[in-house]
Amino acid sequence: MLERRIVSDDPKGLLPSRLSAYPAVAMVGPRQCGKTTLARSLGGRYYDMEQETDKLRLDLEWSDAVAGEEIVIVDEAQEAPEIFPRLRGAIDADRRRNGRFLLLGSISPALMRNVSESLAGRLSVVELAPLSWLELPADAQARLWRCGGYPDGGVLDGQGFPQWQHDYLDLLAQRDLPSWGLPASAPTTRRLFGLLAARHGQQWNASDVGRGLSLSYHTVNAYLDYLEGAFLVRRLPAYHASLGKQLTKKPKVYWRDSGLLHCLLGLSRRDDQVTLSAAGASWEGHVIDQLLTALHLAGRRFDAWHLRTADGREIDLVLRVDTELWAVEVKLTTSPGRAQMARLNESADLIGADRRFLVTRQPEAFSSGTHTACNLAGIIAATRTSGA
């Protein structure tokens, strides 16, 4: 089994450090990203709330479980909202004990609603993404952009893509999303998936998407909330500052996993990725997702936006990392030039960015002061350095 950075990072993984500081931790992330496998590797008592027998077993074993020294792992915790008041009671009975409960969840809003009502101040939340660039050997890193990071989706052995992704999306549309409350039919959800893929990396226009589905923009926005809560898509909000220029207020929407995006766009052959008309937007979304995942795993505090002015100046990703402001521009090229860095600087100067990164597919990194031109490995390396 691959070692996940969330538990193995130097000097101490994000998950162990949170368990040592809180009575309970919620580990959230999409279906099939490896939450259950990782949690069960920790030992302890494991209960799956999607199984009625496990619900009964937890009820019968509750007193022994909360009194014991083993960590209690509750999988798909959002399926058993009645457990949260019981957890609060157990935690409050002995607030000095940390690392007692690990809750796993596949949809953030349902889980966090119960957390906020019952476990506020008693629990920390960490996110487990699919396999990231940091966690893979070199041969799998080469497949990551094409296949995405789901362990069974082809990134580890080159097999399964894109059929695994088709089956995964079908299951989400037909079973999981409706069970989590999405009121759309499976065909409507699949059409929504396709429309979002066609608009990957573009500013969000709910009315435009709604016309394609014969739905109101209010309904489409509500559906997007579900997809975001299921960790399928990411809304990157627009950056706001007093620049003396009109800034767009619309977020951009990205598929978080490049393999799911490529499946929806019809990618199948190995050479399709280069000729894909949306390759630039795909690479941009892939870099953004890997960078934000790396920052999370490093335990860095960050906020993320995009920037676009009325006169067309853009920054793909604006990051507040600890106390610094980063401007990150992503280009699908292996030979970046001075003109691209100059354009990045013009936009970065508007917001007073402390660091400027031009991320491409170039083999080497070049840096001078606050300016860096690098590949994906280079920008991820910057996240590992305190005060980078």
Protein backbone atom coordinates (compact mmCIF):
# COMPACT_ATOMS: atom_id res chain seq x y z
CA MET A 1 0.00 0.00 0.00
CA LEU A 2 1.29 3.46 -0.86
CA GLU A 3 2.13 5.60 2.14
CA ARG A 4 -0.18 8.60 2.23
CA ARG A 5 1.38 11.98 3.02
CA ILE A 6 -1.43 12.85 5.38
CA VAL A 7 0.00 10.31 7.85
CA SER A 8 3.67 10.04 6.86
CA ASP A 9 4.88 13.57 6.17
CA ASP A 10 7.99 14.84 7.94
CA PRO A 11 8.14 15.66 10.81
CA LYS A 12 4.61 14.53 11.58
CA GLY A 13 1.67 13.85 9.33
CA LEU A 14 -1.32 16.15 9.26
CA LEU A 15 -3.72 13.47 10.51
CA PRO A 16 -1.59 12.26 13.48
CA SER A 17 -0.88 15.84 14.52
CA ARG A 18 -4.59 16.69 14.53
CA LEU A 19 -5.46 13.50 16.41
CA SER A 20 -2.90 14.40 19.07
CA ALA A 21 -4.50 17.84 19.50
CA TYR A 22 -8.25 17.07 19.32
CA PRO A 23 -10.58 14.43 20.79
CA ALA A 24 -11.99 13.78 17.32
CA VAL A 25 -10.97 14.34 13.71
CA ALA A 26 -13.19 14.20 10.62
CA MET A 27 -11.40 13.03 7.48
CA VAL A 28 -13.45 14.05 4.45
CA GLY A 29 -12.97 13.43 0.74
CA PRO A 30 -14.57 11.92 -2.36
CA ARG A 31 -15.72 8.34 -2.73
CA GLN A 32 -12.94 5.85 -3.54
CA CYS A 33 -10.06 8.19 -2.69
CA GLY A 34 -8.67 5.83 -0.04
CA LYS A 35 -10.21 7.06 3.23
CA THR A 36 -11.34 3.63 4.41
CA THR A 37 -8.09 1.89 3.50
CA LEU A 38 -6.06 4.55 5.28
CA ALA A 39 -8.27 4.59 8.37
CA ARG A 40 -8.26 0.80 8.76
CA SER A 41 -4.46 0.79 8.56
CA LEU A 42 -4.49 2.73 11.85
CA GLY A 43 -6.06 -0.18 13.71
CA GLY A 44 -8.76 0.47 16.30
CA ARG A 45 -12.47 -0.29 16.15
CA TYR A 46 -14.04 0.23 12.72
CA TYR A 47 -17.75 0.78 12.00
CA ASP A 48 -19.33 1.47 8.59
CA MET A 49 -22.53 3.48 8.96
CA GLU A 50 -23.77 2.38 5.52
CA GLN A 51 -24.12 -1.14 6.96
CA GLU A 52 -27.06 -1.78 9.27
CA THR A 53 -25.15 -4.54 11.03
CA ASP A 54 -22.34 -2.11 11.88
CA LYS A 55 -24.85 0.44 13.19
CA LEU A 56 -26.24 -2.23 15.49
CA ARG A 57 -22.76 -3.40 16.50
CA LEU A 58 -21.70 0.15 17.38
CA ASP A 59 -24.85 0.62 19.45
CA LEU A 60 -24.22 -2.59 21.39
CA GLU A 61 -20.49 -1.95 21.82
CA TRP A 62 -20.76 1.78 22.54
CA SER A 63 -19.84 1.70 26.22
CA ASP A 64 -16.80 -0.51 25.66
CA ALA A 65 -15.72 1.44 22.59
CA VAL A 66 -15.71 4.87 24.24
CA ALA A 67 -14.08 3.57 27.40
CA GLY A 68 -11.31 1.71 25.59
CA GLU A 69 -7.87 2.92 24.49
CA GLU A 70 -8.37 2.06 20.80
CA ILE A 71 -9.35 4.76 18.32
CA VAL A 72 -12.99 4.47 17.22
CA ILE A 73 -13.39 4.86 13.43
CA VAL A 74 -16.86 5.74 12.11
CA ASP A 75 -17.04 5.49 8.30
CA GLU A 76 -19.65 7.44 6.28
CA ALA A 77 -20.58 9.23 9.48
CA GLN A 78 -23.12 11.46 7.69
CA GLU A 79 -25.34 8.37 7.33
CA ALA A 80 -25.84 8.21 11.12
CA PRO A 81 -26.62 11.74 12.39
CA GLU A 82 -27.88 10.30 15.68
CA ILE A 83 -24.32 9.43 16.64
CA PHE A 84 -23.13 13.03 16.95
CA PRO A 85 -24.84 13.91 20.26
CA ARG A 86 -23.47 10.64 21.70
CA LEU A 87 -19.97 11.59 20.56
CA ARG A 88 -20.32 14.98 22.20
CA GLY A 89 -21.32 13.34 25.48
CA ALA A 90 -18.42 10.90 25.37
CA ILE A 91 -15.92 13.67 24.59
CA ASP A 92 -17.23 16.03 27.25
CA ALA A 93 -17.04 13.28 29.86
CA ASP A 94 -13.25 13.25 29.46
CA ARG A 95 -11.99 16.31 27.60
CA ARG A 96 -8.36 15.57 28.44
CA ARG A 97 -8.25 12.55 26.11
CA ASN A 98 -7.38 13.30 22.49
CA GLY A 99 -7.31 11.09 19.42
CA ARG A 100 -10.35 9.04 20.43
CA PHE A 101 -12.57 9.27 17.34
CA LEU A 102 -11.95 9.37 13.60
CA LEU A 103 -14.98 10.17 11.46
CA LEU A 104 -14.94 9.58 7.71
CA GLY A 105 -17.29 11.28 5.27
CA SER A 106 -17.83 11.48 1.51
CA ILE A 107 -19.96 14.59 1.36
CA SER A 108 -18.93 17.63 3.32
CA PRO A 109 -22.18 19.59 3.90
CA ALA A 110 -24.10 16.75 5.51
CA LEU A 111 -21.20 15.84 7.78
CA MET A 112 -20.28 19.41 8.67
CA ARG A 113 -23.85 20.32 9.54
CA ASN A 114 -23.81 17.66 12.26
CA VAL A 115 -20.30 18.64 13.31
CA SER A 116 -21.24 22.30 13.72
CA GLU A 117 -24.35 21.44 15.71
CA SER A 118 -22.80 18.86 18.06
CA LEU A 119 -19.00 18.86 17.93
CA ALA A 120 -17.93 22.49 17.51
CA GLY A 121 -14.62 23.04 19.30
CA ARG A 122 -14.16 19.30 19.82
CA LEU A 123 -13.17 18.22 16.33
CA SER A 124 -10.75 19.14 13.55
CA VAL A 125 -11.38 18.54 9.85
CA VAL A 126 -8.78 17.28 7.37
CA GLU A 127 -9.32 16.49 3.71
CA LEU A 128 -8.00 13.39 1.96
CA ALA A 129 -7.74 13.95 -1.79
CA PRO A 130 -7.14 11.20 -4.35
CA LEU A 131 -3.48 10.26 -4.80
CA SER A 132 -1.38 13.36 -5.41
CA TRP A 133 1.90 14.01 -7.19
CA LEU A 134 3.71 13.98 -3.84
CA GLU A 135 2.58 10.43 -3.07
CA LEU A 136 3.43 8.68 -6.34
CA PRO A 137 6.53 7.07 -7.84
CA ALA A 138 7.93 8.58 -11.04
CA ASP A 139 6.10 6.26 -13.47
CA ALA A 140 2.76 6.99 -11.80
CA GLN A 141 3.50 10.73 -11.68
CA ALA A 142 3.75 10.60 -15.47
CA ARG A 143 0.22 9.15 -15.64
CA LEU A 144 -1.33 11.43 -13.03
CA TRP A 145 -2.49 14.26 -15.29
CA ARG A 146 -4.05 11.88 -17.82
CA CYS A 147 -5.69 9.36 -15.46
CA GLY A 148 -6.30 11.45 -12.34
CA GLY A 149 -5.51 10.36 -8.82
CA TYR A 150 -8.13 7.77 -7.88
CA PRO A 151 -6.22 4.62 -6.85
CA ASP A 152 -8.28 2.28 -9.06
CA GLY A 153 -8.53 4.70 -12.00
CA GLY A 154 -5.30 3.77 -13.78
CA VAL A 155 -2.70 6.03 -12.18
CA LEU A 156 -0.91 3.14 -10.44
CA ASP A 157 -0.79 0.56 -13.22
CA GLY A 158 -2.01 2.26 -16.40
CA GLN A 159 -5.12 0.06 -16.45
CA GLY A 160 -8.76 0.99 -15.97
CA PHE A 161 -8.85 4.46 -17.57
CA PRO A 162 -11.34 5.62 -18.77
CA GLN A 163 -13.79 2.78 -18.03
CA TRP A 164 -13.32 3.08 -14.28
CA GLN A 165 -14.13 6.80 -14.47
CA HIS A 166 -17.27 6.15 -16.54
CA ASP A 167 -18.50 3.62 -13.98
CA TYR A 168 -17.63 5.91 -11.07
CA LEU A 169 -19.57 8.84 -12.51
CA ASP A 170 -22.54 6.61 -13.34
CA LEU A 171 -22.66 5.33 -9.76
CA LEU A 172 -22.50 8.86 -8.39
CA ALA A 173 -25.33 10.01 -10.67
CA GLN A 174 -27.56 6.99 -10.12
CA ARG A 175 -27.03 6.23 -6.42
CA ASP A 176 -24.73 8.35 -4.31
CA LEU A 177 -25.73 11.91 -5.18
CA PRO A 178 -29.49 11.16 -4.93
CA SER A 179 -28.94 9.42 -1.57
CA TRP A 180 -27.10 12.53 -0.38
CA GLY A 181 -30.06 14.72 -1.35
CA LEU A 182 -29.46 15.86 -4.95
CA PRO A 183 -32.98 16.04 -6.44
CA ALA A 184 -31.89 15.60 -10.09
CA SER A 185 -32.49 12.51 -12.17
CA ALA A 186 -29.46 10.46 -13.19
CA PRO A 187 -29.66 11.57 -16.88
CA THR A 188 -29.85 15.22 -15.81
CA THR A 189 -26.85 14.78 -13.51
CA ARG A 190 -24.81 13.16 -16.29
CA ARG A 191 -25.68 16.02 -18.65
CA LEU A 192 -24.63 18.46 -15.94
CA PHE A 193 -21.32 16.62 -15.62
CA GLY A 194 -20.75 17.04 -19.37
CA LEU A 195 -21.67 20.73 -19.40
CA LEU A 196 -19.29 21.40 -16.50
CA ALA A 197 -16.51 19.54 -18.30
CA ALA A 198 -17.03 21.66 -21.42
CA ARG A 199 -16.75 24.80 -19.24
CA HIS A 200 -13.83 23.61 -17.10
CA GLY A 201 -11.69 26.56 -16.02
CA GLN A 202 -14.20 29.14 -17.26
CA GLN A 203 -16.09 31.76 -15.30
CA TRP A 204 -19.28 30.31 -13.88
CA ASN A 205 -22.47 31.20 -15.70
CA ALA A 206 -25.41 29.39 -14.10
CA SER A 207 -27.91 30.78 -16.58
CA ASP A 208 -25.94 29.40 -19.53
CA VAL A 209 -25.70 25.96 -17.95
CA GLY A 210 -29.35 26.12 -16.95
CA ARG A 211 -30.42 26.69 -20.57
CA GLY A 212 -28.63 23.48 -21.51
CA LEU A 213 -30.62 21.59 -18.89
CA SER A 214 -33.94 23.51 -19.12
CA LEU A 215 -33.49 24.53 -15.49
CA SER A 216 -33.38 27.87 -13.69
CA TYR A 217 -30.06 29.31 -12.64
CA HIS A 218 -31.16 28.97 -9.00
CA THR A 219 -31.58 25.21 -9.47
CA VAL A 220 -28.27 24.87 -11.28
CA ASN A 221 -26.47 26.74 -8.50
CA ALA A 222 -28.05 24.40 -5.95
CA TYR A 223 -26.92 21.37 -7.96
CA LEU A 224 -23.40 22.77 -8.13
CA ASP A 225 -23.39 23.03 -4.34
CA TYR A 226 -23.92 19.27 -4.14
CA LEU A 227 -21.11 18.52 -6.59
CA GLU A 228 -18.76 20.81 -4.71
CA GLY A 229 -19.75 19.22 -1.41
CA ALA A 230 -19.01 15.78 -2.89
CA PHE A 231 -15.48 16.98 -3.77
CA LEU A 232 -16.08 16.63 -7.51
CA VAL A 233 -15.69 20.27 -8.54
CA ARG A 234 -13.96 23.32 -7.12
CA ARG A 235 -15.30 26.88 -7.22
CA LEU A 236 -12.40 29.32 -7.26
CA PRO A 237 -13.77 32.70 -6.15
CA ALA A 238 -12.77 35.98 -7.74
CA TYR A 239 -10.17 38.09 -5.94
CA HIS A 240 -11.43 41.44 -4.65
CA ALA A 241 -9.25 44.45 -3.91
CA SER A 242 -9.36 48.21 -4.37
CA LEU A 243 -7.33 48.40 -7.58
CA GLY A 244 -9.05 51.26 -9.33
CA LYS A 245 -10.09 48.73 -11.99
CA GLN A 246 -13.22 46.74 -12.42
CA LEU A 247 -12.70 43.13 -11.34
CA THR A 248 -14.85 40.22 -12.34
CA LYS A 249 -16.93 38.86 -9.48
CA LYS A 250 -17.67 35.47 -11.01
CA PRO A 251 -15.92 32.36 -9.73
CA LYS A 252 -14.24 29.85 -11.99
CA VAL A 253 -15.29 26.20 -11.83
CA TYR A 254 -12.88 23.29 -12.24
CA TRP A 255 -13.23 19.53 -12.11
CA ARG A 256 -10.96 18.59 -9.23
CA ASP A 257 -9.75 15.30 -10.73
CA SER A 258 -8.23 15.47 -14.20
CA GLY A 259 -9.07 11.82 -14.92
CA LEU A 260 -12.79 12.44 -14.46
CA LEU A 261 -12.53 15.54 -16.65
CA HIS A 262 -10.72 13.66 -19.42
CA CYS A 263 -13.27 10.85 -19.28
CA LEU A 264 -16.10 13.36 -19.73
CA LEU A 265 -14.24 15.02 -22.62
CA GLY A 266 -13.84 11.68 -24.41
CA LEU A 267 -10.12 11.13 -23.85
CA SER A 268 -9.14 7.52 -24.48
CA ARG A 269 -5.89 7.14 -26.42
CA ARG A 270 -2.48 8.03 -25.01
CA ASP A 271 -1.93 10.82 -27.55
CA ASP A 272 -5.35 12.38 -27.02
CA GLN A 273 -4.10 14.49 -24.14
CA VAL A 274 -1.79 16.55 -26.34
CA THR A 275 -4.40 17.18 -29.05
CA LEU A 276 -7.30 17.79 -26.67
CA SER A 277 -8.78 21.20 -27.45
CA ALA A 278 -9.22 21.85 -23.74
CA ALA A 279 -5.67 20.75 -22.87
CA GLY A 280 -4.62 24.17 -21.60
CA ALA A 281 -7.56 24.46 -19.23
CA SER A 282 -7.08 20.86 -18.14
CA TRP A 283 -3.42 21.46 -17.28
CA GLU A 284 -4.34 24.66 -15.42
CA GLY A 285 -6.91 22.86 -13.28
CA HIS A 286 -4.52 19.97 -12.63
CA VAL A 287 -1.76 22.29 -11.40
CA ILE A 288 -4.18 24.23 -9.20
CA ASP A 289 -5.56 21.07 -7.60
CA GLN A 290 -2.11 19.57 -6.98
CA LEU A 291 -0.81 22.84 -5.53
CA LEU A 292 -3.74 23.31 -3.14
CA THR A 293 -3.51 19.66 -2.08
CA ALA A 294 0.20 20.07 -1.35
CA LEU A 295 -0.45 23.18 0.74
CA HIS A 296 -3.08 21.34 2.75
CA LEU A 297 -0.78 18.38 3.36
CA ALA A 298 1.97 20.75 4.46
CA GLY A 299 -0.35 22.25 7.05
CA ARG A 300 -0.04 25.71 5.49
CA ARG A 301 -2.79 28.27 6.01
CA PHE A 302 -4.02 29.55 2.66
CA ASP A 303 -6.85 31.19 0.76
CA ALA A 304 -7.24 30.86 -3.01
CA TRP A 305 -8.80 33.04 -5.73
CA HIS A 306 -8.47 33.88 -9.42
CA LEU A 307 -8.15 37.42 -10.78
CA ARG A 308 -9.46 39.00 -13.97
CA THR A 309 -9.76 42.72 -14.68
CA ALA A 310 -12.07 44.49 -17.10
CA ASP A 311 -9.15 45.13 -19.46
CA GLY A 312 -8.29 41.44 -19.65
CA ARG A 313 -5.45 41.06 -17.17
CA GLU A 314 -5.55 37.69 -15.45
CA ILE A 315 -3.90 35.60 -12.78
CA ASP A 316 -4.90 31.94 -12.80
CA LEU A 317 -4.38 31.53 -9.06
CA VAL A 318 -3.92 34.12 -6.32
CA LEU A 319 -2.88 32.59 -3.01
CA ARG A 320 -2.61 34.03 0.45
CA VAL A 321 -0.11 31.58 1.98
CA ASP A 322 0.40 32.35 5.66
CA THR A 323 1.29 36.07 5.40
CA GLU A 324 2.43 36.10 1.76
CA LEU A 325 0.51 36.79 -1.44
CA TRP A 326 1.43 34.54 -4.35
CA ALA A 327 0.53 35.06 -8.01
CA VAL A 328 0.56 31.81 -10.02
CA GLU A 329 0.17 31.65 -13.79
CA VAL A 330 -0.13 28.24 -15.50
CA LYS A 331 0.84 27.64 -19.14
CA LEU A 332 0.89 24.44 -21.17
CA THR A 333 4.32 24.90 -22.72
CA THR A 334 7.77 23.39 -22.34
CA SER A 335 9.59 26.58 -23.35
CA PRO A 336 8.26 29.65 -21.52
CA GLY A 337 9.52 33.07 -22.60
CA ARG A 338 10.17 36.46 -21.08
CA ALA A 339 6.90 37.85 -22.46
CA GLN A 340 4.86 35.41 -20.35
CA MET A 341 6.71 36.38 -17.18
CA ALA A 342 6.32 40.07 -18.06
CA ARG A 343 2.54 39.67 -18.42
CA LEU A 344 2.41 37.85 -15.09
CA ASN A 345 4.37 40.66 -13.45
CA GLU A 346 2.01 43.32 -14.83
CA SER A 347 -0.96 41.57 -13.23
CA ALA A 348 0.90 40.64 -10.05
CA ASP A 349 1.97 44.26 -9.56
CA LEU A 350 -1.71 45.26 -9.39
CA ILE A 351 -2.17 43.30 -6.18
CA GLY A 352 1.35 43.67 -4.79
CA ALA A 353 2.11 39.95 -4.93
CA ASP A 354 5.10 38.93 -2.82
CA ARG A 355 5.97 35.98 -5.05
CA ARG A 356 5.30 35.26 -8.73
CA PHE A 357 5.31 31.75 -10.22
CA LEU A 358 5.08 30.85 -13.91
CA VAL A 359 4.27 27.12 -13.93
CA THR A 360 4.81 25.22 -17.19
CA ARG A 361 6.04 21.78 -18.29
CA GLN A 362 9.64 22.92 -18.57
CA PRO A 363 12.22 20.44 -17.25
CA GLU A 364 14.19 22.94 -15.15
CA ALA A 365 13.36 25.71 -12.68
CA PHE A 366 14.73 29.25 -12.82
CA SER A 367 14.42 31.73 -10.00
CA SER A 368 15.51 35.27 -9.28
CA GLY A 369 14.34 36.90 -6.07
CA THR A 370 10.56 36.81 -6.01
CA HIS A 371 10.25 35.48 -9.58
CA THR A 372 10.21 31.76 -10.37
CA ALA A 373 9.64 29.81 -13.59
CA CYS A 374 9.19 26.13 -12.82
CA ASN A 375 7.27 22.93 -13.47
CA LEU A 376 4.74 21.21 -11.22
CA ALA A 377 7.49 19.71 -9.06
CA GLY A 378 8.98 23.15 -8.53
CA ILE A 379 5.80 24.84 -7.35
CA ILE A 380 5.01 21.91 -5.05
CA ALA A 381 8.51 22.19 -3.57
CA ALA A 382 7.72 25.81 -2.67
CA THR A 383 4.83 24.65 -0.51
CA ARG A 384 7.14 22.60 1.67
CA THR A 385 9.27 25.54 2.73
CA SER A 386 8.13 27.67 5.64
CA GLY A 387 8.07 31.29 4.70
CA ALA A 388 8.51 30.43 0.99
